[in-house]
């Protein structure tokens, strides 16, 4: 792919959960857009499904000149350009290449479990592996788990990726 003259990589902030739609729409207009994704295993109470999710929530990247940047800002899913020192952020080509290379060499399947307060969950990795407890609270991609071990009651904050729903 030839690099257009006077262009640079920059980032755009999107509406929540609009990254892939915005990227597809902009690509269809002939713009060079990159929305890095990873495969996530979503687990519901009755099934699991592999889904491609953006690596960077609410962000996409595009190689643009100033006119193209302005055109992208008219897309209904784009909230704004990302700025640094009152100018659109410039991302070096080697940084975009590094993201692409990392995702090629280390494809990640991230487990995303639909866990809510009150669910029983088992820790599947780390020093508390095998311990079962009750989810007290979910905090983003972590859960506060109430564990009963050795007759004591403790609470541990555990990454959602290290939990399995207990059956």
N, C-alpha and C. Protein backbone atom coordinates (compact mmCIF):
# COMPACT_ATOMS: atom_id res chain seq x y z
N UNK A 1 0.86 -1.18 0.00
CA UNK A 1 0.00 0.00 0.00
C UNK A 1 0.90 1.23 0.00
N UNK A 2 0.67 2.12 -0.94
CA UNK A 2 1.48 3.34 -1.00
C UNK A 2 0.98 4.34 0.04
N UNK A 3 1.92 5.08 0.59
CA UNK A 3 1.58 6.07 1.61
C UNK A 3 1.26 7.38 0.91
N UNK A 4 0.11 7.93 1.23
CA UNK A 4 -0.32 9.20 0.64
C UNK A 4 0.55 10.32 1.21
N UNK A 5 0.79 11.32 0.35
CA UNK A 5 1.62 12.46 0.76
C UNK A 5 0.88 13.32 1.78
N UNK A 6 1.62 13.90 2.72
CA UNK A 6 1.07 14.80 3.75
C UNK A 6 0.03 14.13 4.64
N UNK A 7 0.19 12.84 4.88
CA UNK A 7 -0.74 12.14 5.77
C UNK A 7 -0.02 11.70 7.02
N UNK A 8 -0.78 11.44 8.04
CA UNK A 8 -0.25 10.97 9.32
C UNK A 8 -1.30 10.11 9.99
N UNK A 9 -0.85 9.21 10.85
CA UNK A 9 -1.79 8.40 11.64
C UNK A 9 -2.26 9.25 12.82
N UNK A 10 -3.53 9.18 13.10
CA UNK A 10 -4.09 9.88 14.24
C UNK A 10 -5.19 9.01 14.85
N UNK A 11 -5.68 9.40 16.00
CA UNK A 11 -6.71 8.64 16.69
C UNK A 11 -7.99 9.45 16.77
N UNK A 12 -9.10 8.71 16.76
CA UNK A 12 -10.42 9.32 16.90
C UNK A 12 -11.16 8.63 18.04
N UNK A 13 -11.89 9.42 18.79
CA UNK A 13 -12.71 8.91 19.89
C UNK A 13 -14.11 8.64 19.32
N UNK A 14 -14.62 7.42 19.57
CA UNK A 14 -15.93 7.03 19.04
C UNK A 14 -16.96 6.93 20.15
N UNK A 15 -18.21 6.88 19.75
CA UNK A 15 -19.27 6.58 20.72
C UNK A 15 -19.01 5.17 21.24
N UNK A 16 -19.46 4.87 22.46
CA UNK A 16 -19.24 3.53 23.00
C UNK A 16 -19.81 2.45 22.08
N UNK A 17 -19.04 1.38 21.91
CA UNK A 17 -19.42 0.22 21.11
C UNK A 17 -19.70 0.55 19.64
N UNK A 18 -19.06 1.57 19.12
CA UNK A 18 -19.23 1.96 17.72
C UNK A 18 -17.93 1.86 16.92
N UNK A 19 -16.89 1.33 17.52
CA UNK A 19 -15.58 1.31 16.87
C UNK A 19 -15.61 0.56 15.53
N UNK A 20 -16.10 -0.68 15.54
CA UNK A 20 -16.09 -1.49 14.32
C UNK A 20 -17.01 -0.93 13.25
N UNK A 21 -18.18 -0.45 13.64
CA UNK A 21 -19.13 0.13 12.67
C UNK A 21 -18.53 1.36 12.02
N UNK A 22 -17.92 2.23 12.82
CA UNK A 22 -17.31 3.45 12.28
C UNK A 22 -16.18 3.08 11.32
N UNK A 23 -15.33 2.14 11.71
CA UNK A 23 -14.20 1.73 10.87
C UNK A 23 -14.71 1.17 9.53
N UNK A 24 -15.71 0.32 9.57
CA UNK A 24 -16.26 -0.26 8.34
C UNK A 24 -16.83 0.83 7.42
N UNK A 25 -17.56 1.76 8.00
CA UNK A 25 -18.17 2.84 7.22
C UNK A 25 -17.08 3.70 6.57
N UNK A 26 -16.05 4.04 7.33
CA UNK A 26 -14.97 4.89 6.81
C UNK A 26 -14.13 4.16 5.77
N UNK A 27 -13.90 2.85 5.98
CA UNK A 27 -13.18 2.06 4.98
C UNK A 27 -13.95 2.02 3.67
N UNK A 28 -15.28 1.92 3.75
CA UNK A 28 -16.10 1.87 2.54
C UNK A 28 -16.04 3.20 1.76
N UNK A 29 -15.63 4.26 2.44
CA UNK A 29 -15.46 5.57 1.77
C UNK A 29 -14.05 5.74 1.21
N UNK A 30 -13.23 4.68 1.32
CA UNK A 30 -11.89 4.72 0.77
C UNK A 30 -10.84 5.29 1.69
N UNK A 31 -11.15 5.48 2.95
CA UNK A 31 -10.19 6.01 3.92
C UNK A 31 -9.37 4.88 4.52
N UNK A 32 -8.13 5.15 4.91
CA UNK A 32 -7.28 4.15 5.54
C UNK A 32 -7.52 4.20 7.05
N UNK A 33 -8.20 3.17 7.55
CA UNK A 33 -8.61 3.14 8.96
C UNK A 33 -8.15 1.83 9.57
N UNK A 34 -7.77 1.88 10.85
CA UNK A 34 -7.35 0.68 11.56
C UNK A 34 -8.06 0.62 12.90
N UNK A 35 -8.78 -0.48 13.10
CA UNK A 35 -9.47 -0.75 14.36
C UNK A 35 -8.97 -2.12 14.84
N UNK A 36 -7.90 -2.14 15.67
CA UNK A 36 -7.37 -3.43 16.12
C UNK A 36 -8.40 -4.19 16.96
N UNK A 37 -8.52 -5.49 16.67
CA UNK A 37 -9.48 -6.32 17.39
C UNK A 37 -8.81 -7.56 17.94
N UNK A 38 -9.45 -8.17 18.89
CA UNK A 38 -9.01 -9.44 19.46
C UNK A 38 -10.23 -10.32 19.63
N UNK A 39 -10.02 -11.61 19.65
CA UNK A 39 -11.12 -12.55 19.83
C UNK A 39 -11.40 -12.71 21.31
N UNK A 40 -12.66 -12.59 21.66
CA UNK A 40 -13.09 -12.69 23.05
C UNK A 40 -14.10 -13.83 23.15
N UNK A 41 -13.97 -14.63 24.17
CA UNK A 41 -14.95 -15.68 24.40
C UNK A 41 -15.96 -15.14 25.40
N UNK A 42 -17.17 -14.89 24.93
CA UNK A 42 -18.24 -14.40 25.80
C UNK A 42 -18.97 -15.61 26.37
N UNK A 43 -19.25 -15.56 27.64
CA UNK A 43 -19.95 -16.67 28.28
C UNK A 43 -21.25 -16.16 28.88
N UNK A 44 -22.33 -16.77 28.46
CA UNK A 44 -23.62 -16.53 29.06
C UNK A 44 -23.97 -17.75 29.89
N UNK A 45 -25.08 -17.74 30.55
CA UNK A 45 -25.42 -18.88 31.40
C UNK A 45 -25.63 -20.15 30.60
N UNK A 46 -26.02 -20.04 29.31
CA UNK A 46 -26.34 -21.23 28.53
C UNK A 46 -25.35 -21.53 27.39
N UNK A 47 -24.42 -20.63 27.08
CA UNK A 47 -23.54 -20.86 25.94
C UNK A 47 -22.32 -19.95 25.98
N UNK A 48 -21.36 -20.31 25.11
CA UNK A 48 -20.17 -19.50 24.91
C UNK A 48 -20.09 -19.16 23.43
N UNK A 49 -19.53 -17.99 23.12
CA UNK A 49 -19.42 -17.57 21.72
C UNK A 49 -18.16 -16.73 21.55
N UNK A 50 -17.45 -16.95 20.43
CA UNK A 50 -16.27 -16.14 20.11
C UNK A 50 -16.72 -14.89 19.37
N UNK A 51 -16.25 -13.74 19.84
CA UNK A 51 -16.62 -12.45 19.26
C UNK A 51 -15.36 -11.62 19.09
N UNK A 52 -15.27 -10.87 17.99
CA UNK A 52 -14.15 -9.94 17.79
C UNK A 52 -14.52 -8.63 18.47
N UNK A 53 -13.66 -8.18 19.39
CA UNK A 53 -13.88 -6.92 20.09
C UNK A 53 -12.69 -6.01 19.88
N UNK A 54 -12.92 -4.70 19.86
CA UNK A 54 -11.81 -3.75 19.72
C UNK A 54 -10.84 -3.86 20.89
N UNK A 55 -9.56 -3.72 20.59
CA UNK A 55 -8.52 -3.74 21.63
C UNK A 55 -8.59 -2.46 22.45
N UNK A 56 -8.86 -1.34 21.77
CA UNK A 56 -8.94 -0.04 22.44
C UNK A 56 -10.40 0.41 22.42
N UNK A 57 -11.05 0.38 23.55
CA UNK A 57 -12.46 0.78 23.63
C UNK A 57 -12.62 2.25 23.26
N UNK A 58 -13.55 2.51 22.36
CA UNK A 58 -13.91 3.86 21.92
C UNK A 58 -12.83 4.61 21.14
N UNK A 59 -11.89 3.88 20.52
CA UNK A 59 -10.86 4.51 19.71
C UNK A 59 -10.67 3.78 18.39
N UNK A 60 -10.44 4.54 17.32
CA UNK A 60 -9.98 3.98 16.06
C UNK A 60 -8.83 4.85 15.57
N UNK A 61 -8.04 4.32 14.64
CA UNK A 61 -6.91 5.03 14.08
C UNK A 61 -7.15 5.22 12.59
N UNK A 62 -6.63 6.32 12.04
CA UNK A 62 -6.74 6.56 10.60
C UNK A 62 -5.52 7.32 10.11
N UNK A 63 -5.11 6.98 8.88
CA UNK A 63 -4.04 7.73 8.21
C UNK A 63 -4.76 8.78 7.36
N UNK A 64 -4.54 10.05 7.68
CA UNK A 64 -5.32 11.12 7.06
C UNK A 64 -4.46 12.34 6.74
N UNK A 65 -5.01 13.19 5.88
CA UNK A 65 -4.54 14.55 5.76
C UNK A 65 -5.60 15.40 6.46
N UNK A 66 -5.45 16.69 6.50
CA UNK A 66 -6.40 17.52 7.27
C UNK A 66 -7.82 17.43 6.71
N UNK A 67 -7.97 17.39 5.39
CA UNK A 67 -9.32 17.30 4.79
C UNK A 67 -10.00 15.99 5.16
N UNK A 68 -9.23 14.89 5.14
CA UNK A 68 -9.80 13.58 5.51
C UNK A 68 -10.15 13.54 7.00
N UNK A 69 -9.33 14.18 7.82
CA UNK A 69 -9.62 14.22 9.26
C UNK A 69 -10.96 14.93 9.49
N UNK A 70 -11.16 16.02 8.79
CA UNK A 70 -12.43 16.75 8.91
C UNK A 70 -13.60 15.91 8.40
N UNK A 71 -13.37 15.16 7.33
CA UNK A 71 -14.42 14.28 6.78
C UNK A 71 -14.80 13.20 7.79
N UNK A 72 -13.81 12.62 8.46
CA UNK A 72 -14.07 11.57 9.46
C UNK A 72 -14.90 12.13 10.61
N UNK A 73 -14.65 13.37 10.98
CA UNK A 73 -15.39 13.97 12.10
C UNK A 73 -16.88 14.13 11.80
N UNK A 74 -17.29 14.02 10.53
CA UNK A 74 -18.73 14.10 10.20
C UNK A 74 -19.44 12.77 10.35
N UNK A 75 -18.69 11.68 10.56
CA UNK A 75 -19.32 10.36 10.74
C UNK A 75 -20.13 10.35 12.03
N UNK A 76 -21.34 9.78 12.01
CA UNK A 76 -22.20 9.80 13.20
C UNK A 76 -21.63 9.05 14.42
N UNK A 77 -20.69 8.13 14.19
CA UNK A 77 -20.11 7.37 15.32
C UNK A 77 -18.87 8.03 15.92
N UNK A 78 -18.33 9.04 15.26
CA UNK A 78 -17.11 9.70 15.74
C UNK A 78 -17.48 10.87 16.63
N UNK A 79 -16.90 10.89 17.82
CA UNK A 79 -17.14 11.98 18.77
C UNK A 79 -16.17 13.13 18.54
N UNK A 80 -14.87 12.80 18.42
CA UNK A 80 -13.87 13.85 18.24
C UNK A 80 -12.53 13.25 17.85
N UNK A 81 -11.63 14.13 17.43
CA UNK A 81 -10.23 13.74 17.24
C UNK A 81 -9.61 13.67 18.63
N UNK A 82 -8.56 12.89 18.76
CA UNK A 82 -7.80 12.88 20.00
C UNK A 82 -6.71 13.94 19.85
N UNK A 83 -6.61 14.82 20.83
CA UNK A 83 -5.66 15.93 20.76
C UNK A 83 -4.53 15.77 21.76
N UNK A 84 -3.37 16.33 21.40
CA UNK A 84 -2.21 16.42 22.29
C UNK A 84 -1.62 17.81 22.05
N UNK A 85 -1.53 18.59 23.08
CA UNK A 85 -1.03 19.96 23.02
C UNK A 85 -1.82 20.79 21.98
N UNK A 86 -3.12 20.65 22.03
CA UNK A 86 -4.07 21.40 21.20
C UNK A 86 -3.97 21.10 19.71
N UNK A 87 -3.33 19.98 19.36
CA UNK A 87 -3.25 19.55 17.96
C UNK A 87 -3.67 18.09 17.89
N UNK A 88 -4.22 17.66 16.73
CA UNK A 88 -4.54 16.23 16.61
C UNK A 88 -3.29 15.39 16.86
N UNK A 89 -3.46 14.36 17.67
CA UNK A 89 -2.33 13.51 18.03
C UNK A 89 -1.76 12.86 16.76
N UNK A 90 -0.44 12.77 16.69
CA UNK A 90 0.23 12.11 15.57
C UNK A 90 0.83 10.82 16.12
N UNK A 91 0.45 9.72 15.48
CA UNK A 91 0.94 8.40 15.90
C UNK A 91 1.94 7.94 14.84
N UNK A 92 3.11 7.53 15.27
CA UNK A 92 4.15 7.11 14.34
C UNK A 92 3.77 5.78 13.68
N UNK A 93 4.19 5.60 12.44
CA UNK A 93 3.92 4.37 11.68
C UNK A 93 4.42 3.15 12.44
N UNK A 94 5.62 3.26 13.07
CA UNK A 94 6.16 2.10 13.77
C UNK A 94 5.30 1.70 14.98
N UNK A 95 4.55 2.63 15.55
CA UNK A 95 3.66 2.29 16.66
C UNK A 95 2.44 1.51 16.15
N UNK A 96 1.90 1.92 15.00
CA UNK A 96 0.79 1.18 14.39
C UNK A 96 1.28 -0.21 13.99
N UNK A 97 2.48 -0.28 13.38
CA UNK A 97 3.06 -1.57 12.98
C UNK A 97 3.28 -2.47 14.19
N UNK A 98 3.71 -1.90 15.32
CA UNK A 98 3.95 -2.69 16.53
C UNK A 98 2.65 -3.30 17.05
N UNK A 99 1.56 -2.54 17.00
CA UNK A 99 0.25 -3.08 17.44
C UNK A 99 -0.14 -4.24 16.53
N UNK A 100 -0.02 -4.04 15.22
CA UNK A 100 -0.38 -5.10 14.25
C UNK A 100 0.47 -6.34 14.46
N UNK A 101 1.79 -6.15 14.63
CA UNK A 101 2.69 -7.28 14.83
C UNK A 101 2.37 -8.03 16.12
N UNK A 102 2.13 -7.29 17.19
CA UNK A 102 1.81 -7.92 18.47
C UNK A 102 0.55 -8.78 18.35
N UNK A 103 -0.48 -8.24 17.70
CA UNK A 103 -1.74 -8.98 17.57
C UNK A 103 -1.61 -10.18 16.64
N UNK A 104 -0.66 -10.12 15.67
CA UNK A 104 -0.42 -11.27 14.79
C UNK A 104 0.36 -12.36 15.52
N UNK A 105 1.41 -11.95 16.24
CA UNK A 105 2.28 -12.92 16.89
C UNK A 105 1.70 -13.49 18.18
N UNK A 106 0.88 -12.72 18.84
CA UNK A 106 0.31 -13.17 20.10
C UNK A 106 -1.21 -13.04 20.05
N UNK A 107 -1.85 -13.83 19.17
CA UNK A 107 -3.31 -13.72 19.12
C UNK A 107 -3.87 -14.09 20.48
N UNK A 108 -4.75 -13.28 20.96
CA UNK A 108 -5.27 -13.48 22.30
C UNK A 108 -6.74 -13.85 22.24
N UNK A 109 -7.09 -14.85 22.97
CA UNK A 109 -8.49 -15.14 23.17
C UNK A 109 -8.77 -14.77 24.61
N UNK A 110 -9.48 -13.69 24.77
CA UNK A 110 -9.77 -13.18 26.10
C UNK A 110 -11.14 -13.67 26.50
N UNK A 111 -11.22 -14.20 27.70
CA UNK A 111 -12.49 -14.70 28.19
C UNK A 111 -13.26 -13.55 28.82
N UNK A 112 -14.47 -13.35 28.38
CA UNK A 112 -15.32 -12.32 28.96
C UNK A 112 -16.54 -13.01 29.56
N UNK A 113 -16.62 -12.99 30.84
CA UNK A 113 -17.67 -13.73 31.53
C UNK A 113 -18.74 -12.77 32.02
N UNK A 114 -19.98 -13.13 31.75
CA UNK A 114 -21.10 -12.31 32.23
C UNK A 114 -21.29 -12.61 33.71
N UNK A 115 -20.56 -11.91 34.55
CA UNK A 115 -20.59 -12.13 35.99
C UNK A 115 -21.23 -10.93 36.67
N UNK A 116 -22.09 -11.23 37.62
CA UNK A 116 -22.78 -10.16 38.35
C UNK A 116 -22.76 -10.49 39.84
N UNK A 117 -23.05 -9.50 40.65
CA UNK A 117 -23.11 -9.69 42.10
C UNK A 117 -24.07 -10.82 42.41
N UNK A 118 -23.65 -11.68 43.34
CA UNK A 118 -24.48 -12.81 43.76
C UNK A 118 -24.12 -14.11 43.06
N UNK A 119 -23.42 -14.05 41.92
CA UNK A 119 -23.01 -15.27 41.21
C UNK A 119 -21.94 -16.00 42.00
N UNK A 120 -21.95 -17.33 41.90
CA UNK A 120 -20.86 -18.13 42.44
C UNK A 120 -19.83 -18.27 41.35
N UNK A 121 -18.55 -18.09 41.69
CA UNK A 121 -17.48 -18.17 40.70
C UNK A 121 -16.28 -18.90 41.28
N UNK A 122 -15.52 -19.56 40.38
CA UNK A 122 -14.31 -20.25 40.79
C UNK A 122 -13.12 -19.55 40.13
N UNK A 123 -12.05 -19.35 40.88
CA UNK A 123 -10.84 -18.72 40.37
C UNK A 123 -10.07 -19.78 39.58
N UNK A 124 -9.75 -19.47 38.30
CA UNK A 124 -9.13 -20.47 37.43
C UNK A 124 -7.63 -20.27 37.26
N UNK A 125 -7.07 -19.16 37.78
CA UNK A 125 -5.64 -18.93 37.64
C UNK A 125 -5.15 -18.07 38.79
N UNK A 126 -3.84 -18.14 39.02
CA UNK A 126 -3.24 -17.31 40.07
C UNK A 126 -3.12 -18.04 41.39
N UNK A 127 -2.67 -17.35 42.43
CA UNK A 127 -2.40 -17.99 43.71
C UNK A 127 -3.66 -18.53 44.40
N UNK A 128 -4.83 -18.01 44.06
CA UNK A 128 -6.06 -18.50 44.68
C UNK A 128 -6.80 -19.48 43.77
N UNK A 129 -6.10 -20.04 42.79
CA UNK A 129 -6.69 -20.98 41.83
C UNK A 129 -7.43 -22.11 42.56
N UNK A 130 -8.65 -22.38 42.08
CA UNK A 130 -9.45 -23.46 42.65
C UNK A 130 -10.38 -23.00 43.75
N UNK A 131 -10.16 -21.80 44.27
CA UNK A 131 -11.04 -21.28 45.32
C UNK A 131 -12.36 -20.84 44.71
N UNK A 132 -13.44 -21.11 45.43
CA UNK A 132 -14.77 -20.72 44.97
C UNK A 132 -15.34 -19.70 45.94
N UNK A 133 -16.10 -18.77 45.39
CA UNK A 133 -16.68 -17.75 46.23
C UNK A 133 -17.88 -17.11 45.58
N UNK A 134 -18.41 -16.10 46.25
CA UNK A 134 -19.58 -15.36 45.76
C UNK A 134 -19.12 -13.97 45.34
N UNK A 135 -19.58 -13.53 44.16
CA UNK A 135 -19.24 -12.21 43.67
C UNK A 135 -20.00 -11.18 44.50
N UNK A 136 -19.26 -10.29 45.16
CA UNK A 136 -19.86 -9.24 45.97
C UNK A 136 -20.17 -8.03 45.08
N UNK A 137 -19.21 -7.73 44.18
CA UNK A 137 -19.35 -6.54 43.35
C UNK A 137 -18.47 -6.70 42.12
N UNK A 138 -18.94 -6.18 41.00
CA UNK A 138 -18.12 -6.17 39.78
C UNK A 138 -17.59 -4.76 39.59
N UNK A 139 -16.28 -4.66 39.32
CA UNK A 139 -15.61 -3.37 39.12
C UNK A 139 -14.89 -3.40 37.78
N UNK A 140 -15.58 -3.09 36.70
CA UNK A 140 -14.98 -3.14 35.37
C UNK A 140 -14.61 -4.55 35.00
N UNK A 141 -13.30 -4.80 34.78
CA UNK A 141 -12.88 -6.15 34.41
C UNK A 141 -12.39 -6.95 35.62
N UNK A 142 -12.77 -6.50 36.81
CA UNK A 142 -12.43 -7.23 38.04
C UNK A 142 -13.70 -7.47 38.84
N UNK A 143 -13.61 -8.46 39.71
CA UNK A 143 -14.74 -8.76 40.58
C UNK A 143 -14.23 -8.89 42.01
N UNK A 144 -15.00 -8.40 42.94
CA UNK A 144 -14.69 -8.56 44.36
C UNK A 144 -15.38 -9.84 44.78
N UNK A 145 -14.59 -10.82 45.19
CA UNK A 145 -15.10 -12.15 45.52
C UNK A 145 -15.02 -12.37 47.02
N UNK A 146 -16.08 -12.90 47.58
CA UNK A 146 -16.10 -13.27 48.99
C UNK A 146 -15.78 -14.75 49.07
N UNK A 147 -14.66 -15.07 49.72
CA UNK A 147 -14.18 -16.46 49.81
C UNK A 147 -14.31 -16.97 51.23
N UNK A 148 -14.65 -18.24 51.36
CA UNK A 148 -14.64 -18.87 52.68
C UNK A 148 -13.62 -19.98 52.62
N UNK A 149 -12.51 -19.78 53.30
CA UNK A 149 -11.43 -20.74 53.27
C UNK A 149 -10.88 -20.87 54.68
N UNK A 150 -10.62 -22.08 55.09
CA UNK A 150 -10.08 -22.37 56.43
C UNK A 150 -10.96 -21.78 57.53
N UNK A 151 -12.26 -21.71 57.27
CA UNK A 151 -13.18 -21.20 58.26
C UNK A 151 -13.14 -19.69 58.41
N UNK A 152 -12.34 -19.01 57.59
CA UNK A 152 -12.25 -17.55 57.62
C UNK A 152 -12.98 -16.98 56.42
N UNK A 153 -13.46 -15.77 56.54
CA UNK A 153 -14.10 -15.12 55.41
C UNK A 153 -13.18 -14.01 54.93
N UNK A 154 -12.74 -14.09 53.67
CA UNK A 154 -11.92 -13.04 53.10
C UNK A 154 -12.51 -12.56 51.79
N UNK A 155 -12.06 -11.38 51.38
CA UNK A 155 -12.49 -10.84 50.10
C UNK A 155 -11.25 -10.63 49.25
N UNK A 156 -11.36 -10.98 47.96
CA UNK A 156 -10.25 -10.81 47.03
C UNK A 156 -10.76 -10.16 45.76
N UNK A 157 -9.98 -9.22 45.24
CA UNK A 157 -10.31 -8.62 43.95
C UNK A 157 -9.58 -9.44 42.89
N UNK A 158 -10.36 -10.00 41.96
CA UNK A 158 -9.82 -10.94 40.98
C UNK A 158 -10.19 -10.48 39.58
N UNK A 159 -9.25 -10.61 38.63
CA UNK A 159 -9.53 -10.29 37.24
C UNK A 159 -10.62 -11.21 36.72
N UNK A 160 -11.57 -10.65 35.96
CA UNK A 160 -12.67 -11.42 35.39
C UNK A 160 -12.12 -12.56 34.54
N UNK A 161 -10.97 -12.35 33.87
CA UNK A 161 -10.39 -13.37 33.02
C UNK A 161 -9.89 -14.58 33.80
N UNK A 162 -9.82 -14.46 35.12
CA UNK A 162 -9.37 -15.58 35.94
C UNK A 162 -10.52 -16.24 36.67
N UNK A 163 -11.76 -15.97 36.23
CA UNK A 163 -12.93 -16.55 36.89
C UNK A 163 -13.75 -17.40 35.93
N UNK A 164 -14.32 -18.46 36.45
CA UNK A 164 -15.29 -19.27 35.74
C UNK A 164 -16.54 -19.30 36.58
N UNK A 165 -17.70 -19.24 35.93
CA UNK A 165 -18.95 -19.36 36.69
C UNK A 165 -19.00 -20.74 37.30
N UNK A 166 -19.31 -20.84 38.59
CA UNK A 166 -19.43 -22.13 39.26
C UNK A 166 -20.80 -22.71 38.95
N UNK A 167 -20.86 -23.97 38.73
CA UNK A 167 -22.13 -24.64 38.39
C UNK A 167 -22.71 -25.32 39.60
